[in-house]
Protein backbone atom coordinates (compact mmCIF):
# COMPACT_ATOMS: atom_id res chain seq x y z
CA MET A 1 -0.01 -0.03 -0.02
CA TRP A 2 1.37 3.41 -0.92
CA VAL A 3 1.52 5.69 2.20
CA ARG A 4 2.18 9.38 1.99
CA ASN A 5 3.34 11.59 4.76
CA LYS A 6 4.71 15.14 4.79
CA GLU A 7 8.27 14.18 3.65
CA LEU A 8 7.77 11.19 1.26
CA ILE A 9 5.58 8.50 -0.29
CA ARG A 10 6.70 4.92 0.55
CA LEU A 11 5.46 1.51 -0.35
CA VAL A 12 4.48 -0.46 2.71
CA PRO A 13 3.90 -4.20 2.13
CA PHE A 14 0.45 -5.32 3.32
CA ARG A 15 2.15 -7.98 5.48
CA ASP A 16 3.71 -5.12 7.55
CA ILE A 17 0.50 -3.44 8.38
CA SER A 18 -0.73 -4.84 11.64
CA HIS A 19 -4.03 -3.00 11.93
CA ILE A 20 -6.20 -0.10 10.81
CA LEU A 21 -8.41 1.77 13.28
CA HIS A 22 -10.90 4.51 13.19
CA SER A 23 -11.09 6.90 16.16
CA ASP A 24 -12.34 10.49 16.59
CA GLY A 25 -12.99 10.91 12.88
CA LEU A 26 -9.59 9.87 11.69
CA THR A 27 -8.43 6.40 10.30
CA GLU A 28 -4.97 5.34 11.39
CA ILE A 29 -2.78 2.77 9.65
CA HIS A 30 -0.33 1.04 11.96
CA THR A 31 2.52 -1.46 11.83
CA GLY A 32 3.37 -3.38 14.99
CA LYS A 33 5.97 -0.67 15.68
CA GLU A 34 4.62 2.69 14.38
CA LEU A 35 1.74 4.82 13.32
CA LEU A 36 2.25 5.06 9.56
CA LYS A 37 -0.53 7.54 8.72
CA ARG A 38 -3.66 9.43 9.93
CA THR A 39 -6.14 10.00 7.21
CA LEU A 40 -9.67 11.20 6.61
CA ILE A 41 -10.41 8.20 4.32
CA PRO A 42 -13.21 6.24 6.03
CA LEU A 43 -12.35 2.78 7.37
CA GLY A 44 -14.66 1.19 4.67
CA GLY A 45 -12.58 2.90 2.01
CA LEU A 46 -9.38 1.38 3.37
CA GLU A 47 -11.15 -1.99 3.80
CA ARG A 48 -11.74 -2.12 0.06
CA ARG A 49 -8.06 -1.36 -0.67
CA VAL A 50 -6.52 -4.19 1.31
CA PRO A 51 -6.59 -7.89 0.45
CA GLU A 52 -9.47 -9.83 2.10
CA THR A 53 -7.35 -12.88 2.37
CA ILE A 54 -5.18 -11.34 5.17
CA PHE A 55 -7.31 -8.48 6.50
CA PHE A 56 -10.55 -8.78 8.39
CA ARG A 57 -12.87 -6.12 9.81
CA ILE A 58 -13.52 -7.32 13.34
CA HIS A 59 -15.39 -4.35 14.56
CA ARG A 60 -16.77 -1.13 13.15
CA ASN A 61 -13.58 0.57 14.27
CA TYR A 62 -10.96 -2.10 13.57
CA ILE A 63 -9.41 -4.00 10.73
CA ILE A 64 -6.68 -6.47 11.62
CA ASN A 65 -4.07 -8.39 9.65
CA ARG A 66 -4.28 -12.14 10.38
CA LEU A 67 -0.45 -12.37 10.02
CA HIS A 68 -0.14 -10.32 13.19
CA ILE A 69 -2.65 -12.16 15.29
CA ARG A 70 -1.03 -13.85 18.27
CA GLN A 71 -4.00 -15.12 20.05
CA CYS A 72 -7.76 -14.91 20.55
CA ASP A 73 -10.07 -16.29 23.17
CA PRO A 74 -12.13 -19.44 22.38
CA ASP A 75 -15.30 -17.38 21.99
CA SER A 76 -13.55 -14.87 19.68
CA ARG A 77 -14.51 -11.92 21.83
CA PHE A 78 -11.09 -10.28 21.56
CA VAL A 79 -7.81 -10.61 19.53
CA VAL A 80 -4.28 -9.91 20.59
CA CYS A 81 -1.84 -8.90 17.92
CA ALA A 82 1.88 -8.65 17.84
CA GLY A 83 3.04 -5.88 20.14
CA GLY A 84 0.35 -6.69 22.65
CA ASN A 85 -2.54 -4.63 20.99
CA LYS A 86 -5.78 -6.09 22.14
CA PHE A 87 -8.96 -5.54 19.97
CA PRO A 88 -12.64 -6.43 20.57
CA VAL A 89 -14.49 -8.52 18.01
CA SER A 90 -18.10 -7.36 17.56
CA ARG A 91 -20.83 -9.97 18.32
CA ARG A 92 -22.05 -9.48 14.75
CA ARG A 93 -18.67 -10.41 13.26
CA ARG A 94 -17.65 -13.31 15.58
CA LYS A 95 -18.83 -16.19 13.41
CA ASP A 96 -17.40 -14.70 10.23
CA PHE A 97 -14.17 -14.13 12.15
CA GLN A 98 -14.03 -17.68 13.27
CA ARG A 99 -14.55 -18.91 9.70
CA PHE A 100 -11.79 -16.43 8.52
CA ILE A 101 -9.33 -17.68 11.11
CA ASN A 102 -10.17 -21.39 10.43
CA GLN A 103 -9.84 -21.11 6.58
CA ASN A 104 -6.46 -19.31 6.95
CA VAL A 105 -4.79 -21.43 9.46
């Protein structure tokens, strides 16, 4: 994914993006180590730009990369990603998330 900041435009491999979150009107793209970008692009717009084979929208505010998932509870109520970030999985998305995890194990 091409990411632009004030100084440069750089190509960030999808595998390096750990999660994308929406908060306070801004969408943030993160690696496990850094905040890559804050943007006004809605989360749904970014959801369409990332491959659905490795990214999953677990909540209205979160998209996670399955390559960065380190654990989830048996009922899939939350997910812990590399770096210790913990994200809730919405009730509406739990069954789809379980299928996503099982097909991509």
